[in-house]
Structure formats: structure tokens, C-alpha cells
Amino acid sequence: MATKSPAVEVDTGEHTVRVSNPDRVYFPELGLTKLDLVNYYLSVGDGIVRALRERPCMLHRFPDGLAGEKVHQKRVPHGAPPWLQTVRVEFPRYKRHADELCVTQLGEVIWAVQMSTVEFHPWNSRRADTEKPDEWRIDLDPMPDCGFGTVRRVAHVAHEVLDELGITGYPKTSGGRGLHIYVRIAPEHGFADVRRAALAFAREVERRSPEVTTTWWRKDRDPEKLFVDYNQNARDHTIASAYSVRGNQRGTVSTPIRWDEIDAVEPDEFTLQTVPARFAELGDLHASIDDTAFDLTTLLEWAERDEKAGLAGPADPE
């Protein structure tokens, strides 16, 4: 039996977190350990806390590193430290609830990494009212035969539409093959209306780009097209936050970028080994995302227009 490495104490500012077995290898191909992952999240602390702040958060845990099984965990386990913040979310269909992690400071992030979390997947609403999203997510999701060149071109089209709406979008790599664009919105609408607005936006992008599809069923989509996945705005749908490491052997990171970087960016270059230096140089490129909350009125008018034309979207998932 392998000997476990001694635990270390990690100072996160307001709290000290005990990290057990810090030398356990989490990324075998890179030779990176649990402590390397802790140090990564410490290095981007302001950014990851801003991305997660006050949001219910699902954790993607790898108790045995990436060579082992992934665990999707919503509920904070018994025995968590008393200073850990949580928020209760209800699941009416199942007549259940979950007390999910609700990050307010860096210590909670490091506690989650101590609990073998690699990926952080927050809701697009906050604990003040979990039923009213304050974040609209544009997910540019390439189909299997769609290259990143297409993602770049469609991102520019999305940027054009946002500019015409007078809306500021904040792009980031997905940590995979796509791009995400986040928009702060006033928390005035439920998930269903935010999703309707997202679909109306996706259809406008589709009208302007022959490389885009909004076809709902995956089996019916052209494998060379890019799907603008409006359903990421449905209730309890989550995607990796800004600065979240992804659970792959390359250790890629969902990384904020500038609009003027899109034509040159290579997503695989952003990893837990390279992003700390970028963050140290540029800071958090999403630092101003909370400065302005935008209105969905025009998009909801587009949605109503499309629905009257017979273009109603699929039913909201339960």
C-alpha cells in the first residue's frame, strides 16, 4: 500500500484549510498533484471567487484523480467546516432539496479542492433569489466535425449582435472545443424567460451565419455546424465557471479572453500550468462583469415574434 504524504496547512486569508495527501497525483500525464491544483486555484483566487460568488455550485470531484471515477456532487457533506457557506435549492419534481456550496471567499474554493474537486459548475443565479438568473450564458458548442475556425467566426457574429443590442459580453474559452460568452442581466426574469431570450439570440445568430444551427435534437444537427446551446440557461443546468480547471489529462482551464484575442487564441494553451502567469500579468479579464446589468426586453420581443411565426422552442426541461 502506498504511503500517504503528510497533510499541509494552506492559508487562504480568512481561513486555514488542511489539505490531506497533497502529493496524490491528479493529472498523471502531467505529473501534477492535488497540491498543484490547490496552488493553481490560489493563484487565480480573485477570479475564481468572482466567478462563483453567491451561486449554488455543483462540484465535479475526482477522489482518485483523473484516472478514477468522476463524482457529480450537489450536496455539501456532513462534517464540513462551520464557516463554509451553502444555499438551499429545491427540486420540486423529485420533492427534494440540496444544500449546495455557495462560495463567498477563497477558503471555500480550497476546501472543495481538498474534497477532490477539480471542476466548479455554478448556477446562473445567486442565493438572494435562486429562481431569478442574473447571468445569461451563450454557449458556442461545436459539433464533432466543426473546427475552431468556425467557433471564431461565429463568436464575431455573436459579438456583432450583442453590440447592436447595446450589451457587453464577456468571452471565455470553455476548456474544451468551444467558447462561452457571459452577460450580466437584471435578475427580473425566471429561467424560462431567460432561456426564451437566449433562444431568440441564438436564432438571430443563425440567421446571420450559415455555420450555425439551433436544431434541438443532436441527431438532427449537421455535424459540421456550431450549435448555440441556449439550453444552458435552463434551471439547474450548469457549465464550468471562468478559471475552472477541466477534468481532462491536459489540465485545460476555462479562461477569460479579450474579444481582440479570438482570432489568435488556441484554447489548449490555457492550462493550470500557464494560466497563473497570464492572470498575474493581465488580472481578471471579467473583473468588470458586475458593473452593468443588461435588460432582456428586446430579446424577449424577438422571442415573442419568433413564437408567433411558429418558431416556438422545445419545452423547458424539468
Protein backbone atom coordinates (compact mmCIF):
# COMPACT_ATOMS: atom_id res chain seq x y z
CA MET A 1 0.00 0.00 0.00
CA ALA A 2 1.34 3.42 -0.98
CA THR A 3 2.21 5.73 1.89
CA LYS A 4 0.12 8.87 2.05
CA SER A 5 2.00 12.15 2.11
CA PRO A 6 1.62 14.25 5.27
CA ALA A 7 -1.17 16.83 5.26
CA VAL A 8 -0.30 20.51 4.77
CA GLU A 9 -1.98 23.65 6.08
CA VAL A 10 -2.95 26.20 3.43
CA ASP A 11 -3.59 29.81 4.39
CA THR A 12 -6.42 31.24 2.27
CA GLY A 13 -6.61 34.59 4.03
CA GLU A 14 -9.56 34.32 6.39
CA HIS A 15 -9.22 30.58 6.99
CA THR A 16 -6.62 27.85 7.06
CA VAL A 17 -7.54 24.69 5.16
CA ARG A 18 -5.95 21.35 5.90
CA VAL A 19 -5.07 19.56 2.66
CA SER A 20 -4.64 15.83 3.10
CA ASN A 21 -2.47 13.66 0.86
CA PRO A 22 -1.14 16.67 -1.10
CA ASP A 23 1.21 14.54 -3.22
CA ARG A 24 -1.56 12.40 -4.70
CA VAL A 25 -1.22 12.62 -8.48
CA TYR A 26 -4.35 14.09 -10.05
CA PHE A 27 -3.11 14.60 -13.61
CA PRO A 28 -1.00 11.52 -14.45
CA GLU A 29 0.11 12.69 -17.90
CA LEU A 30 1.35 16.00 -16.47
CA GLY A 31 2.60 14.60 -13.18
CA LEU A 32 0.60 17.24 -11.30
CA THR A 33 -0.68 16.65 -7.78
CA LYS A 34 -3.52 17.69 -5.54
CA LEU A 35 -1.30 20.41 -4.08
CA ASP A 36 -0.50 21.68 -7.60
CA LEU A 37 -4.26 22.04 -8.12
CA VAL A 38 -4.60 23.89 -4.80
CA ASN A 39 -1.78 26.25 -5.79
CA TYR A 40 -3.41 26.88 -9.16
CA TYR A 41 -6.67 27.97 -7.53
CA LEU A 42 -4.76 30.13 -5.05
CA SER A 43 -3.04 31.87 -7.97
CA VAL A 44 -6.35 32.86 -9.61
CA GLY A 45 -8.16 33.42 -6.33
CA ASP A 46 -9.85 36.74 -7.13
CA GLY A 47 -11.05 35.43 -10.48
CA ILE A 48 -12.49 32.10 -9.32
CA VAL A 49 -14.23 33.70 -6.33
CA ARG A 50 -15.78 36.36 -8.58
CA ALA A 51 -16.99 33.69 -11.00
CA LEU A 52 -18.59 31.62 -8.22
CA ARG A 53 -19.63 34.28 -5.73
CA GLU A 54 -23.02 33.67 -4.10
CA ARG A 55 -24.02 30.99 -6.64
CA PRO A 56 -25.20 27.45 -5.91
CA CYS A 57 -22.35 25.32 -7.17
CA MET A 58 -22.15 21.72 -8.28
CA LEU A 59 -18.76 20.09 -7.77
CA HIS A 60 -17.11 17.65 -10.17
CA ARG A 61 -14.93 15.56 -7.88
CA PHE A 62 -12.22 13.04 -8.75
CA PRO A 63 -11.45 11.24 -5.46
CA ASP A 64 -8.79 9.09 -7.16
CA GLY A 65 -7.51 11.72 -9.57
CA LEU A 66 -8.39 11.83 -13.25
CA ALA A 67 -7.54 8.16 -13.60
CA GLY A 68 -10.55 7.37 -11.42
CA GLU A 69 -14.27 7.93 -11.48
CA LYS A 70 -15.85 11.39 -11.63
CA VAL A 71 -18.47 12.25 -8.99
CA HIS A 72 -21.09 14.96 -9.57
CA GLN A 73 -21.83 16.35 -6.13
CA LYS A 74 -24.57 18.85 -5.34
CA ARG A 75 -24.86 18.43 -1.59
CA VAL A 76 -22.23 19.63 0.84
CA PRO A 77 -21.39 16.61 3.01
CA HIS A 78 -21.81 16.38 6.75
CA GLY A 79 -18.73 17.42 8.63
CA ALA A 80 -17.97 20.47 6.51
CA PRO A 81 -16.36 23.34 8.46
CA PRO A 82 -18.85 25.66 10.18
CA TRP A 83 -17.64 28.68 8.21
CA LEU A 84 -18.49 27.07 4.87
CA GLN A 85 -21.34 28.90 3.12
CA THR A 86 -24.20 27.00 1.49
CA VAL A 87 -27.51 27.78 -0.21
CA ARG A 88 -30.57 25.55 -0.33
CA VAL A 89 -32.10 24.85 -3.74
CA GLU A 90 -35.32 22.95 -4.30
CA PHE A 91 -36.02 20.23 -6.85
CA PRO A 92 -39.85 20.12 -6.90
CA ARG A 93 -40.07 17.34 -9.45
CA TYR A 94 -38.25 14.99 -7.10
CA LYS A 95 -39.61 16.55 -3.89
CA ARG A 96 -36.05 17.03 -2.71
CA HIS A 97 -33.65 19.82 -1.91
CA ALA A 98 -29.89 20.24 -1.73
CA ASP A 99 -27.66 22.49 0.34
CA GLU A 100 -25.06 23.38 -2.27
CA LEU A 101 -21.73 25.10 -1.83
CA CYS A 102 -22.08 28.88 -2.10
CA VAL A 103 -18.65 30.45 -2.47
CA THR A 104 -18.08 33.81 -0.81
CA GLN A 105 -14.32 33.59 -0.22
CA LEU A 106 -11.27 31.68 -1.36
CA GLY A 107 -11.25 29.30 1.60
CA GLU A 108 -14.42 27.65 0.31
CA VAL A 109 -12.78 27.01 -3.06
CA ILE A 110 -9.73 25.42 -1.44
CA TRP A 111 -11.95 23.35 0.88
CA ALA A 112 -13.67 21.99 -2.25
CA VAL A 113 -10.29 21.11 -3.80
CA GLN A 114 -9.35 19.36 -0.57
CA MET A 115 -12.55 17.36 -1.12
CA SER A 116 -11.10 16.31 -4.54
CA THR A 117 -12.99 18.87 -6.63
CA VAL A 118 -11.40 19.66 -9.99
CA GLU A 119 -14.28 21.44 -11.78
CA PHE A 120 -16.69 24.09 -10.45
CA HIS A 121 -20.11 24.32 -12.10
CA PRO A 122 -22.17 27.24 -10.72
CA TRP A 123 -25.78 28.15 -11.37
CA ASN A 124 -26.53 31.33 -13.31
CA SER A 125 -28.48 32.70 -10.32
CA ARG A 126 -27.40 33.77 -6.84
CA ARG A 127 -28.58 32.86 -3.38
CA ALA A 128 -30.52 36.13 -2.89
CA ASP A 129 -33.07 34.61 -5.32
CA THR A 130 -32.05 31.34 -6.88
CA GLU A 131 -35.08 31.41 -9.20
CA LYS A 132 -34.08 34.68 -10.93
CA PRO A 133 -30.89 34.36 -13.02
CA ASP A 134 -28.53 37.31 -13.20
CA GLU A 135 -26.30 35.72 -15.84
CA TRP A 136 -27.17 34.88 -19.44
CA ARG A 137 -24.84 32.29 -20.92
CA ILE A 138 -24.10 32.00 -24.63
CA ASP A 139 -22.53 28.60 -25.28
CA LEU A 140 -20.89 28.19 -28.69
CA ASP A 141 -20.78 24.40 -28.87
CA PRO A 142 -19.14 22.92 -32.00
CA MET A 143 -20.43 19.65 -33.39
CA PRO A 144 -17.91 16.81 -33.95
CA ASP A 145 -16.74 17.94 -37.41
CA CYS A 146 -16.81 21.67 -36.65
CA GLY A 147 -13.37 23.24 -36.29
CA PHE A 148 -12.31 26.06 -34.02
CA GLY A 149 -12.09 28.39 -37.00
CA THR A 150 -15.87 28.19 -37.19
CA VAL A 151 -16.12 28.94 -33.47
CA ARG A 152 -14.04 32.08 -34.02
CA ARG A 153 -16.22 33.28 -36.90
CA VAL A 154 -19.46 32.67 -35.03
CA ALA A 155 -18.10 34.44 -31.96
CA HIS A 156 -17.64 37.55 -34.09
CA VAL A 157 -21.24 37.29 -35.30
CA ALA A 158 -22.45 36.95 -31.71
CA HIS A 159 -20.36 39.98 -30.76
CA GLU A 160 -21.96 41.95 -33.61
CA VAL A 161 -25.46 41.12 -32.41
CA LEU A 162 -24.58 41.99 -28.81
CA ASP A 163 -23.17 45.34 -29.94
CA GLU A 164 -26.38 46.12 -31.82
CA LEU A 165 -28.33 45.34 -28.65
CA GLY A 166 -26.05 47.61 -26.62
CA ILE A 167 -24.96 44.66 -24.48
CA THR A 168 -21.46 43.87 -23.24
CA GLY A 169 -20.49 40.21 -23.40
CA TYR A 170 -17.53 38.64 -21.64
CA PRO A 171 -15.96 35.75 -23.59
CA LYS A 172 -14.02 32.82 -22.23
CA THR A 173 -12.78 29.52 -23.54
CA SER A 174 -14.82 26.54 -22.43
CA GLY A 175 -11.76 24.49 -21.57
CA GLY A 176 -12.84 22.21 -24.41
CA ARG A 177 -13.56 22.91 -28.08
CA GLY A 178 -15.96 25.83 -27.70
CA LEU A 179 -16.38 29.33 -26.34
CA HIS A 180 -18.72 30.81 -23.75
CA ILE A 181 -19.93 34.41 -23.60
CA TYR A 182 -21.39 35.66 -20.32
CA VAL A 183 -23.71 38.64 -19.91
CA ARG A 184 -24.87 40.14 -16.62
CA ILE A 185 -28.62 40.70 -16.63
CA ALA A 186 -31.02 42.23 -14.13
CA PRO A 187 -32.47 39.39 -12.01
CA GLU A 188 -36.03 40.16 -13.09
CA HIS A 189 -36.99 37.04 -15.05
CA GLY A 190 -37.34 33.35 -14.33
CA PHE A 191 -35.31 30.64 -16.03
CA ALA A 192 -37.95 30.04 -18.71
CA ASP A 193 -37.84 33.64 -19.97
CA VAL A 194 -34.05 33.83 -19.85
CA ARG A 195 -33.98 30.65 -21.92
CA ARG A 196 -36.52 32.14 -24.37
CA ALA A 197 -34.33 35.23 -24.73
CA ALA A 198 -31.26 33.04 -25.26
CA LEU A 199 -33.04 31.08 -27.99
CA ALA A 200 -34.12 34.29 -29.73
CA PHE A 201 -30.50 35.46 -29.69
CA ALA A 202 -29.28 32.11 -31.00
CA ARG A 203 -31.77 32.27 -33.88
CA GLU A 204 -30.60 35.76 -34.80
CA VAL A 205 -27.00 34.50 -34.92
CA GLU A 206 -28.21 31.55 -37.02
CA ARG A 207 -29.87 33.95 -39.50
CA ARG A 208 -26.56 35.73 -39.98
CA SER A 209 -24.29 32.69 -40.17
CA PRO A 210 -24.79 29.58 -42.31
CA GLU A 211 -22.37 27.79 -39.98
CA VAL A 212 -24.80 27.88 -37.03
CA THR A 213 -27.63 25.59 -36.03
CA THR A 214 -30.28 25.86 -33.32
CA THR A 215 -31.72 22.41 -34.10
CA TRP A 216 -32.74 20.90 -30.78
CA TRP A 217 -32.08 17.18 -31.26
CA ARG A 218 -28.41 16.35 -31.54
CA LYS A 219 -29.06 13.53 -34.01
CA ASP A 220 -30.65 16.03 -36.39
CA ARG A 221 -27.79 18.55 -36.35
CA ASP A 222 -25.28 18.93 -39.16
CA PRO A 223 -22.01 17.58 -37.68
CA GLU A 224 -20.05 20.40 -39.34
CA LYS A 225 -22.08 23.19 -37.73
CA LEU A 226 -21.90 25.02 -34.44
CA PHE A 227 -24.80 24.72 -32.00
CA VAL A 228 -25.62 27.83 -29.99
CA ASP A 229 -26.74 26.00 -26.87
CA TYR A 230 -29.42 28.21 -25.36
CA ASN A 231 -30.47 25.40 -23.03
CA GLN A 232 -27.52 26.18 -20.76
CA ASN A 233 -29.85 28.84 -19.34
CA ALA A 234 -32.41 26.30 -18.12
CA ARG A 235 -32.86 25.78 -14.40
CA ASP A 236 -30.19 23.61 -12.77
CA HIS A 237 -28.09 23.50 -15.95
CA THR A 238 -24.51 24.40 -15.22
CA ILE A 239 -21.27 24.80 -17.13
CA ALA A 240 -17.70 25.20 -15.92
CA SER A 241 -17.02 28.62 -14.45
CA ALA A 242 -14.35 31.04 -15.51
CA TYR A 243 -11.00 29.79 -14.16
CA SER A 244 -12.32 26.29 -13.55
CA VAL A 245 -9.87 23.56 -14.44
CA ARG A 246 -11.46 20.89 -16.62
CA GLY A 247 -11.31 17.21 -15.84
CA ASN A 248 -9.01 16.15 -18.66
CA GLN A 249 -5.44 14.99 -18.77
CA ARG A 250 -4.30 18.26 -20.39
CA GLY A 251 -5.45 20.26 -17.37
CA THR A 252 -7.16 22.84 -19.56
CA VAL A 253 -8.82 25.86 -17.97
CA SER A 254 -11.97 27.77 -18.92
CA THR A 255 -10.18 31.08 -19.38
CA PRO A 256 -11.46 34.66 -19.86
CA ILE A 257 -10.16 36.24 -23.05
CA ARG A 258 -10.45 39.62 -24.78
CA TRP A 259 -12.54 40.00 -27.92
CA ASP A 260 -9.41 41.00 -29.84
CA GLU A 261 -7.78 37.68 -28.92
CA ILE A 262 -10.39 35.48 -30.54
CA ASP A 263 -8.71 35.15 -33.94
CA ALA A 264 -5.40 34.06 -32.41
CA VAL A 265 -6.44 32.13 -29.32
CA GLU A 266 -5.66 28.42 -29.07
CA PRO A 267 -7.80 27.03 -26.22
CA ASP A 268 -5.47 24.14 -25.40
CA GLU A 269 -2.75 26.64 -24.50
CA PHE A 270 -4.71 27.68 -21.40
CA THR A 271 -3.88 25.15 -18.68
CA LEU A 272 -3.38 25.11 -14.94
CA GLN A 273 0.33 25.45 -15.73
CA THR A 274 0.03 28.52 -17.99
CA VAL A 275 -2.97 30.47 -16.70
CA PRO A 276 -1.35 31.63 -13.42
CA ALA A 277 1.26 33.68 -15.30
CA ARG A 278 -1.43 35.09 -17.60
CA PHE A 279 -3.55 36.02 -14.59
CA ALA A 280 -0.57 37.65 -12.87
CA GLU A 281 0.05 39.75 -16.00
CA LEU A 282 -3.50 40.63 -17.06
CA GLY A 283 -5.56 40.22 -13.92
CA ASP A 284 -9.15 39.05 -14.20
CA LEU A 285 -10.50 39.99 -17.62
CA HIS A 286 -14.01 39.54 -16.19
CA ALA A 287 -13.34 41.96 -13.30
CA SER A 288 -15.90 44.49 -14.59
CA ILE A 289 -18.64 41.96 -15.41
CA ASP A 290 -20.77 43.04 -12.43
CA ASP A 291 -20.59 46.74 -13.26
CA THR A 292 -23.67 46.78 -15.53
CA ALA A 293 -26.75 44.55 -15.62
CA PHE A 294 -28.44 44.50 -19.02
CA ASP A 295 -32.10 44.30 -19.97
CA LEU A 296 -33.69 41.42 -21.90
CA THR A 297 -36.68 43.37 -23.22
CA THR A 298 -35.59 43.40 -26.87
CA LEU A 299 -34.66 39.72 -26.84
CA LEU A 300 -38.00 38.78 -25.28
CA GLU A 301 -39.72 40.79 -28.01
CA TRP A 302 -37.73 38.80 -30.56
CA ALA A 303 -38.81 35.61 -28.80
CA GLU A 304 -42.47 36.61 -28.99
CA ARG A 305 -42.07 37.46 -32.69
CA ASP A 306 -40.50 34.08 -33.40
CA GLU A 307 -43.14 32.22 -31.42
CA LYS A 308 -45.92 33.98 -33.32
CA ALA A 309 -44.19 32.90 -36.53
CA GLY A 310 -44.38 29.27 -35.39
CA LEU A 311 -40.80 29.03 -34.16
CA ALA A 312 -41.54 28.08 -30.58
CA GLY A 313 -38.66 26.23 -28.96
CA PRO A 314 -38.76 22.88 -27.21
CA ALA A 315 -40.43 22.72 -23.83
CA ASP A 316 -38.40 23.71 -20.82
CA PRO A 317 -36.68 20.67 -19.32
CA GLU A 318 -37.95 19.77 -15.88
